[in-house]
Amino acid sequence: MVKDIRWIQRFQNYKKALSQLQQGVDLLMERELSNLEKQGII
């Protein structure tokens, strides 16, 4: 039986994206972001 791991991969990618977003929010709380950083958020 072939195990469908697509949902696992999607969930891992979701957790990675959420972690990166949290890092951005943490940085924003520490200091004001540059214009380039603000554009990267969009």
N, C-alpha and C. Protein backbone atom coordinates (compact mmCIF):
# COMPACT_ATOMS: atom_id res chain seq x y z
N MET A 1 0.84 -1.19 0.00
CA MET A 1 0.00 0.00 0.00
C MET A 1 0.89 1.25 0.00
N VAL A 2 0.64 2.12 -0.96
CA VAL A 2 1.40 3.36 -1.07
C VAL A 2 0.76 4.39 -0.15
N LYS A 3 1.57 4.93 0.73
CA LYS A 3 1.06 5.91 1.68
C LYS A 3 1.04 7.29 1.04
N ASP A 4 -0.09 7.96 1.13
CA ASP A 4 -0.24 9.31 0.58
C ASP A 4 0.35 10.30 1.57
N ILE A 5 1.50 10.88 1.22
CA ILE A 5 2.18 11.79 2.14
C ILE A 5 2.04 13.26 1.73
N ARG A 6 1.21 13.51 0.73
CA ARG A 6 1.07 14.90 0.27
C ARG A 6 0.58 15.82 1.38
N TRP A 7 -0.37 15.34 2.18
CA TRP A 7 -0.89 16.20 3.26
C TRP A 7 0.19 16.48 4.29
N ILE A 8 1.08 15.51 4.51
CA ILE A 8 2.19 15.71 5.45
C ILE A 8 3.13 16.78 4.91
N GLN A 9 3.44 16.70 3.62
CA GLN A 9 4.32 17.68 3.00
C GLN A 9 3.69 19.07 3.03
N ARG A 10 2.40 19.14 2.76
CA ARG A 10 1.71 20.44 2.79
C ARG A 10 1.71 21.02 4.20
N PHE A 11 1.49 20.16 5.19
CA PHE A 11 1.48 20.63 6.57
C PHE A 11 2.86 21.10 6.98
N GLN A 12 3.91 20.41 6.55
CA GLN A 12 5.28 20.84 6.85
C GLN A 12 5.57 22.20 6.21
N ASN A 13 5.13 22.38 4.97
CA ASN A 13 5.32 23.67 4.29
C ASN A 13 4.54 24.78 5.00
N TYR A 14 3.34 24.45 5.47
CA TYR A 14 2.53 25.42 6.22
C TYR A 14 3.25 25.84 7.49
N LYS A 15 3.79 24.86 8.23
CA LYS A 15 4.49 25.17 9.47
C LYS A 15 5.73 26.01 9.20
N LYS A 16 6.43 25.73 8.10
CA LYS A 16 7.62 26.51 7.74
C LYS A 16 7.23 27.96 7.42
N ALA A 17 6.16 28.14 6.66
CA ALA A 17 5.69 29.49 6.32
C ALA A 17 5.23 30.24 7.56
N LEU A 18 4.55 29.55 8.45
CA LEU A 18 4.09 30.17 9.69
C LEU A 18 5.27 30.60 10.56
N SER A 19 6.31 29.78 10.59
CA SER A 19 7.51 30.11 11.35
C SER A 19 8.19 31.35 10.78
N GLN A 20 8.27 31.43 9.46
CA GLN A 20 8.89 32.59 8.82
C GLN A 20 8.08 33.85 9.08
N LEU A 21 6.76 33.73 9.06
CA LEU A 21 5.90 34.87 9.37
C LEU A 21 6.12 35.32 10.81
N GLN A 22 6.23 34.37 11.73
CA GLN A 22 6.46 34.71 13.13
C GLN A 22 7.79 35.43 13.31
N GLN A 23 8.82 35.00 12.57
CA GLN A 23 10.11 35.68 12.63
C GLN A 23 9.98 37.12 12.16
N GLY A 24 9.20 37.34 11.11
CA GLY A 24 8.98 38.69 10.61
C GLY A 24 8.25 39.56 11.62
N VAL A 25 7.25 39.01 12.27
CA VAL A 25 6.50 39.75 13.29
C VAL A 25 7.41 40.07 14.47
N ASP A 26 8.22 39.10 14.88
CA ASP A 26 9.16 39.33 15.98
C ASP A 26 10.12 40.46 15.65
N LEU A 27 10.62 40.47 14.42
CA LEU A 27 11.54 41.52 13.99
C LEU A 27 10.84 42.88 14.00
N LEU A 28 9.60 42.89 13.53
CA LEU A 28 8.82 44.13 13.52
C LEU A 28 8.63 44.68 14.93
N MET A 29 8.47 43.80 15.90
CA MET A 29 8.28 44.24 17.28
C MET A 29 9.58 44.80 17.87
N GLU A 30 10.72 44.36 17.34
CA GLU A 30 12.01 44.82 17.84
C GLU A 30 12.40 46.19 17.28
N ARG A 31 12.11 46.38 15.99
CA ARG A 31 12.52 47.62 15.34
C ARG A 31 11.63 47.89 14.14
N GLU A 32 11.72 49.12 13.63
CA GLU A 32 10.96 49.46 12.43
C GLU A 32 11.62 48.80 11.22
N LEU A 33 10.79 48.29 10.34
CA LEU A 33 11.31 47.63 9.15
C LEU A 33 11.70 48.67 8.09
N SER A 34 12.70 48.31 7.28
CA SER A 34 13.09 49.18 6.16
C SER A 34 12.02 49.07 5.07
N ASN A 35 12.07 49.98 4.11
CA ASN A 35 11.11 49.94 3.01
C ASN A 35 11.21 48.63 2.24
N LEU A 36 12.42 48.14 2.04
CA LEU A 36 12.61 46.89 1.32
C LEU A 36 11.99 45.72 2.10
N GLU A 37 12.16 45.71 3.40
CA GLU A 37 11.56 44.66 4.22
C GLU A 37 10.03 44.74 4.19
N LYS A 38 9.51 45.95 4.22
CA LYS A 38 8.06 46.13 4.15
C LYS A 38 7.52 45.62 2.82
N GLN A 39 8.22 45.87 1.74
CA GLN A 39 7.80 45.40 0.42
C GLN A 39 7.84 43.88 0.36
N GLY A 40 8.78 43.28 1.06
CA GLY A 40 8.88 41.82 1.08
C GLY A 40 7.72 41.17 1.81
N ILE A 41 7.12 41.89 2.73
CA ILE A 41 5.97 41.35 3.47
C ILE A 41 4.77 41.21 2.54
N ILE A 42 4.64 42.15 1.62
CA ILE A 42 3.51 42.14 0.69
C ILE A 42 3.73 41.02 -0.28
